[in-house]
Amino acid sequence: MKEGGRIIYTANKRAARAAATLFAVILLAFLLVSATYSVISIDHDCHHEHCLICHNVHMLWMLLDTIAKAVFLAIFILWVHSLLLYIKPQAKQLGFRLSPVRLFDRMND
């Protein structure tokens, strides 16, 4: 199907959406199981040096930190993209071009 000069693939949308949903459910289940395990084992007999429970808690916090950074980066990229989409029509109305040659030609007129 073609709309507005772009080809839109509808055959794989349902499969991609199902795969993304499955990935999100598995990730959520992993986080919930890890958090539940950490909360249940919070009052444990710690050996400080090679404590498996402390290691699991540390790994869970590192995973959550990585996910938070990835979400922030995705939001930032989408914000910059939408900002550029907003600025582009505004710049065309003003006659502004981001080419040094055009700027040089305008300065000589």
N, C-alpha and C. Protein backbone atom coordinates (compact mmCIF):
# COMPACT_ATOMS: atom_id res chain seq x y z
N MET A 1 0.85 -1.16 0.00
CA MET A 1 0.00 0.00 0.00
C MET A 1 0.90 1.24 0.00
N LYS A 2 0.52 2.25 -0.74
CA LYS A 2 1.32 3.46 -0.84
C LYS A 2 0.46 4.66 -0.47
N GLU A 3 0.95 5.44 0.49
CA GLU A 3 0.24 6.64 0.93
C GLU A 3 1.21 7.80 1.01
N GLY A 4 0.90 8.87 0.38
CA GLY A 4 1.69 10.08 0.50
C GLY A 4 3.13 9.94 0.07
N GLY A 5 3.39 9.10 -0.92
CA GLY A 5 4.75 8.94 -1.39
C GLY A 5 5.57 7.94 -0.59
N ARG A 6 5.00 7.36 0.46
CA ARG A 6 5.72 6.38 1.27
C ARG A 6 5.07 5.01 1.08
N ILE A 7 5.88 3.99 1.12
CA ILE A 7 5.36 2.64 1.06
C ILE A 7 5.18 2.15 2.50
N ILE A 8 3.98 1.76 2.84
CA ILE A 8 3.68 1.29 4.18
C ILE A 8 3.48 -0.21 4.13
N TYR A 9 4.28 -0.92 4.90
CA TYR A 9 4.18 -2.37 4.94
C TYR A 9 3.23 -2.78 6.06
N THR A 10 2.06 -3.27 5.70
CA THR A 10 1.08 -3.65 6.70
C THR A 10 1.17 -5.12 7.07
N ALA A 11 1.83 -5.93 6.25
CA ALA A 11 1.88 -7.37 6.51
C ALA A 11 2.68 -7.69 7.77
N ASN A 12 3.76 -6.97 8.01
CA ASN A 12 4.63 -7.29 9.14
C ASN A 12 4.35 -6.45 10.38
N LYS A 13 3.39 -5.53 10.29
CA LYS A 13 3.09 -4.69 11.45
C LYS A 13 2.54 -5.51 12.61
N ARG A 14 1.65 -6.43 12.31
CA ARG A 14 1.05 -7.23 13.36
C ARG A 14 2.10 -8.13 14.03
N ALA A 15 2.99 -8.71 13.25
CA ALA A 15 4.04 -9.57 13.80
C ALA A 15 5.03 -8.75 14.63
N ALA A 16 5.38 -7.56 14.14
CA ALA A 16 6.31 -6.71 14.88
C ALA A 16 5.69 -6.23 16.19
N ARG A 17 4.41 -5.89 16.15
CA ARG A 17 3.73 -5.46 17.36
C ARG A 17 3.63 -6.60 18.37
N ALA A 18 3.36 -7.81 17.89
CA ALA A 18 3.28 -8.97 18.77
C ALA A 18 4.65 -9.28 19.39
N ALA A 19 5.71 -9.16 18.59
CA ALA A 19 7.06 -9.40 19.11
C ALA A 19 7.45 -8.36 20.15
N ALA A 20 7.11 -7.10 19.90
CA ALA A 20 7.42 -6.04 20.87
C ALA A 20 6.64 -6.23 22.16
N THR A 21 5.38 -6.63 22.04
CA THR A 21 4.56 -6.88 23.24
C THR A 21 5.11 -8.05 24.03
N LEU A 22 5.50 -9.12 23.34
CA LEU A 22 6.07 -10.28 24.01
C LEU A 22 7.36 -9.92 24.72
N PHE A 23 8.22 -9.14 24.07
CA PHE A 23 9.46 -8.70 24.69
C PHE A 23 9.19 -7.85 25.93
N ALA A 24 8.22 -6.95 25.86
CA ALA A 24 7.88 -6.10 27.00
C ALA A 24 7.33 -6.94 28.16
N VAL A 25 6.51 -7.93 27.86
CA VAL A 25 5.95 -8.78 28.91
C VAL A 25 7.05 -9.61 29.58
N ILE A 26 7.95 -10.16 28.78
CA ILE A 26 9.06 -10.95 29.34
C ILE A 26 9.97 -10.07 30.19
N LEU A 27 10.28 -8.87 29.72
CA LEU A 27 11.11 -7.95 30.50
C LEU A 27 10.43 -7.55 31.80
N LEU A 28 9.14 -7.26 31.74
CA LEU A 28 8.40 -6.91 32.94
C LEU A 28 8.36 -8.07 33.93
N ALA A 29 8.15 -9.29 33.43
CA ALA A 29 8.13 -10.47 34.30
C ALA A 29 9.50 -10.67 34.96
N PHE A 30 10.57 -10.50 34.19
CA PHE A 30 11.91 -10.63 34.74
C PHE A 30 12.16 -9.61 35.84
N LEU A 31 11.77 -8.37 35.59
CA LEU A 31 11.98 -7.33 36.60
C LEU A 31 11.16 -7.59 37.86
N LEU A 32 9.92 -8.03 37.67
CA LEU A 32 9.08 -8.31 38.84
C LEU A 32 9.61 -9.49 39.65
N VAL A 33 10.05 -10.55 38.99
CA VAL A 33 10.60 -11.70 39.70
C VAL A 33 11.89 -11.32 40.41
N SER A 34 12.75 -10.56 39.75
CA SER A 34 14.01 -10.14 40.38
C SER A 34 13.75 -9.22 41.58
N ALA A 35 12.83 -8.29 41.42
CA ALA A 35 12.52 -7.38 42.52
C ALA A 35 11.88 -8.14 43.68
N THR A 36 11.00 -9.07 43.38
CA THR A 36 10.37 -9.87 44.45
C THR A 36 11.41 -10.69 45.19
N TYR A 37 12.32 -11.32 44.46
CA TYR A 37 13.39 -12.10 45.07
C TYR A 37 14.27 -11.22 45.96
N SER A 38 14.57 -10.01 45.48
CA SER A 38 15.41 -9.10 46.25
C SER A 38 14.70 -8.64 47.52
N VAL A 39 13.41 -8.34 47.42
CA VAL A 39 12.67 -7.88 48.59
C VAL A 39 12.51 -9.00 49.61
N ILE A 40 12.24 -10.21 49.15
CA ILE A 40 12.08 -11.34 50.07
C ILE A 40 13.40 -11.65 50.77
N SER A 41 14.50 -11.52 50.07
CA SER A 41 15.81 -11.88 50.63
C SER A 41 16.55 -10.71 51.24
N ILE A 42 15.85 -9.62 51.50
CA ILE A 42 16.54 -8.42 52.00
C ILE A 42 17.14 -8.63 53.40
N ASP A 43 16.51 -9.46 54.19
CA ASP A 43 17.02 -9.74 55.54
C ASP A 43 17.73 -11.10 55.49
N HIS A 44 18.91 -11.09 54.87
CA HIS A 44 19.64 -12.33 54.68
C HIS A 44 20.93 -12.31 55.50
N ASP A 45 21.54 -13.45 55.60
CA ASP A 45 22.81 -13.59 56.30
C ASP A 45 23.93 -13.26 55.32
N CYS A 46 24.37 -12.04 55.33
CA CYS A 46 25.30 -11.55 54.33
C CYS A 46 26.74 -11.94 54.66
N HIS A 47 27.48 -12.37 53.63
CA HIS A 47 28.89 -12.73 53.78
C HIS A 47 29.79 -11.63 53.25
N HIS A 48 29.21 -10.57 52.78
CA HIS A 48 29.86 -9.33 52.31
C HIS A 48 30.75 -9.51 51.08
N GLU A 49 31.59 -10.51 51.03
CA GLU A 49 32.52 -10.59 49.92
C GLU A 49 31.93 -11.31 48.71
N HIS A 50 31.35 -12.47 48.91
CA HIS A 50 30.79 -13.25 47.82
C HIS A 50 29.32 -13.55 48.06
N CYS A 51 28.56 -12.53 48.40
CA CYS A 51 27.15 -12.72 48.72
C CYS A 51 26.34 -12.71 47.41
N LEU A 52 25.69 -13.80 47.13
CA LEU A 52 24.92 -13.93 45.90
C LEU A 52 23.72 -12.99 45.88
N ILE A 53 23.08 -12.80 47.01
CA ILE A 53 21.89 -11.94 47.07
C ILE A 53 22.29 -10.47 46.85
N CYS A 54 23.37 -10.05 47.47
CA CYS A 54 23.84 -8.67 47.24
C CYS A 54 24.24 -8.47 45.78
N HIS A 55 24.84 -9.49 45.18
CA HIS A 55 25.20 -9.42 43.76
C HIS A 55 23.95 -9.29 42.89
N ASN A 56 22.91 -10.06 43.21
CA ASN A 56 21.66 -9.98 42.44
C ASN A 56 21.00 -8.62 42.57
N VAL A 57 21.01 -8.07 43.77
CA VAL A 57 20.44 -6.73 43.97
C VAL A 57 21.23 -5.69 43.17
N HIS A 58 22.54 -5.81 43.20
CA HIS A 58 23.39 -4.88 42.44
C HIS A 58 23.12 -5.00 40.94
N MET A 59 23.00 -6.22 40.44
CA MET A 59 22.73 -6.42 39.01
C MET A 59 21.35 -5.87 38.63
N LEU A 60 20.37 -6.04 39.51
CA LEU A 60 19.04 -5.50 39.24
C LEU A 60 19.08 -3.97 39.14
N TRP A 61 19.81 -3.33 40.05
CA TRP A 61 19.91 -1.88 40.00
C TRP A 61 20.66 -1.42 38.77
N MET A 62 21.69 -2.16 38.34
CA MET A 62 22.40 -1.81 37.12
C MET A 62 21.49 -1.94 35.89
N LEU A 63 20.67 -3.00 35.87
CA LEU A 63 19.73 -3.18 34.75
C LEU A 63 18.70 -2.05 34.71
N LEU A 64 18.16 -1.70 35.87
CA LEU A 64 17.19 -0.60 35.92
C LEU A 64 17.82 0.72 35.50
N ASP A 65 19.07 0.94 35.88
CA ASP A 65 19.78 2.15 35.49
C ASP A 65 19.99 2.19 33.98
N THR A 66 20.36 1.06 33.38
CA THR A 66 20.56 0.99 31.94
C THR A 66 19.25 1.22 31.19
N ILE A 67 18.17 0.63 31.68
CA ILE A 67 16.87 0.83 31.04
C ILE A 67 16.44 2.29 31.14
N ALA A 68 16.66 2.91 32.29
CA ALA A 68 16.30 4.32 32.45
C ALA A 68 17.10 5.21 31.50
N LYS A 69 18.39 4.92 31.35
CA LYS A 69 19.20 5.71 30.42
C LYS A 69 18.75 5.52 28.98
N ALA A 70 18.40 4.29 28.62
CA ALA A 70 17.93 4.03 27.25
C ALA A 70 16.61 4.73 26.97
N VAL A 71 15.71 4.73 27.95
CA VAL A 71 14.42 5.42 27.79
C VAL A 71 14.64 6.92 27.67
N PHE A 72 15.53 7.47 28.50
CA PHE A 72 15.84 8.90 28.41
C PHE A 72 16.43 9.24 27.05
N LEU A 73 17.34 8.41 26.55
CA LEU A 73 17.95 8.67 25.26
C LEU A 73 16.92 8.60 24.13
N ALA A 74 16.02 7.64 24.20
CA ALA A 74 14.97 7.53 23.18
C ALA A 74 14.05 8.75 23.21
N ILE A 75 13.67 9.19 24.39
CA ILE A 75 12.82 10.38 24.51
C ILE A 75 13.54 11.61 24.00
N PHE A 76 14.82 11.74 24.31
CA PHE A 76 15.60 12.88 23.84
C PHE A 76 15.71 12.88 22.32
N ILE A 77 15.97 11.72 21.72
CA ILE A 77 16.07 11.63 20.26
C ILE A 77 14.74 11.98 19.61
N LEU A 78 13.64 11.49 20.15
CA LEU A 78 12.32 11.83 19.60
C LEU A 78 12.02 13.31 19.76
N TRP A 79 12.46 13.92 20.86
CA TRP A 79 12.25 15.35 21.07
C TRP A 79 13.04 16.16 20.04
N VAL A 80 14.30 15.79 19.81
CA VAL A 80 15.11 16.50 18.82
C VAL A 80 14.52 16.32 17.43
N HIS A 81 14.06 15.13 17.12
CA HIS A 81 13.45 14.87 15.81
C HIS A 81 12.20 15.73 15.62
N SER A 82 11.34 15.78 16.63
CA SER A 82 10.13 16.60 16.50
C SER A 82 10.47 18.08 16.44
N LEU A 83 11.51 18.49 17.16
CA LEU A 83 11.94 19.89 17.10
C LEU A 83 12.44 20.23 15.70
N LEU A 84 13.21 19.33 15.10
CA LEU A 84 13.69 19.58 13.74
C LEU A 84 12.55 19.60 12.74
N LEU A 85 11.56 18.74 12.93
CA LEU A 85 10.40 18.76 12.04
C LEU A 85 9.61 20.05 12.19
N TYR A 86 9.59 20.63 13.39
CA TYR A 86 8.88 21.89 13.60
C TYR A 86 9.67 23.06 13.02
N ILE A 87 10.99 23.04 13.15
CA ILE A 87 11.81 24.16 12.71
C ILE A 87 11.93 24.21 11.19
N LYS A 88 11.94 23.06 10.53
CA LYS A 88 12.16 23.02 9.08
C LYS A 88 11.14 23.85 8.30
N PRO A 89 9.83 23.70 8.53
CA PRO A 89 8.89 24.56 7.78
C PRO A 89 9.03 26.04 8.15
N GLN A 90 9.36 26.31 9.41
CA GLN A 90 9.52 27.70 9.83
C GLN A 90 10.72 28.34 9.14
N ALA A 91 11.80 27.57 8.98
CA ALA A 91 13.00 28.11 8.34
C ALA A 91 12.75 28.36 6.86
N LYS A 92 11.95 27.51 6.21
CA LYS A 92 11.65 27.72 4.80
C LYS A 92 10.81 28.98 4.60
N GLN A 93 9.94 29.29 5.54
CA GLN A 93 9.13 30.51 5.41
C GLN A 93 10.00 31.76 5.49
N LEU A 94 11.06 31.68 6.28
CA LEU A 94 11.94 32.84 6.41
C LEU A 94 12.97 32.93 5.30
N GLY A 95 13.04 31.93 4.46
CA GLY A 95 14.02 31.92 3.38
C GLY A 95 15.40 31.55 3.85
N PHE A 96 15.51 30.94 4.99
CA PHE A 96 16.80 30.59 5.56
C PHE A 96 17.22 29.21 5.06
N ARG A 97 18.44 29.08 4.62
CA ARG A 97 18.99 27.81 4.17
C ARG A 97 20.27 27.54 4.97
N LEU A 98 20.53 26.29 5.22
CA LEU A 98 21.71 25.92 6.00
C LEU A 98 22.91 25.59 5.11
N SER A 99 23.07 26.30 4.03
CA SER A 99 24.19 26.09 3.12
C SER A 99 25.06 27.33 3.13
N PRO A 100 26.38 27.19 3.31
CA PRO A 100 27.25 28.37 3.30
C PRO A 100 27.29 29.06 1.93
N VAL A 101 27.10 28.31 0.86
CA VAL A 101 27.11 28.91 -0.48
C VAL A 101 25.92 29.85 -0.63
N ARG A 102 24.75 29.42 -0.20
CA ARG A 102 23.57 30.27 -0.30
C ARG A 102 23.74 31.51 0.58
N LEU A 103 24.32 31.35 1.75
CA LEU A 103 24.53 32.47 2.64
C LEU A 103 25.51 33.45 2.00
N PHE A 104 26.55 32.94 1.36
CA PHE A 104 27.53 33.79 0.70
C PHE A 104 26.88 34.54 -0.46
N ASP A 105 26.06 33.85 -1.24
CA ASP A 105 25.37 34.51 -2.35
C ASP A 105 24.43 35.60 -1.84
N ARG A 106 23.75 35.34 -0.75
CA ARG A 106 22.85 36.35 -0.20
C ARG A 106 23.60 37.55 0.32
N MET A 107 24.78 37.33 0.86
CA MET A 107 25.54 38.45 1.40
C MET A 107 26.09 39.36 0.30
N ASN A 108 26.31 38.79 -0.89
CA ASN A 108 26.84 39.58 -2.02
C ASN A 108 25.74 40.32 -2.76
N ASP A 109 24.52 40.04 -2.53
CA ASP A 109 23.44 40.73 -3.24
C ASP A 109 23.16 42.09 -2.67
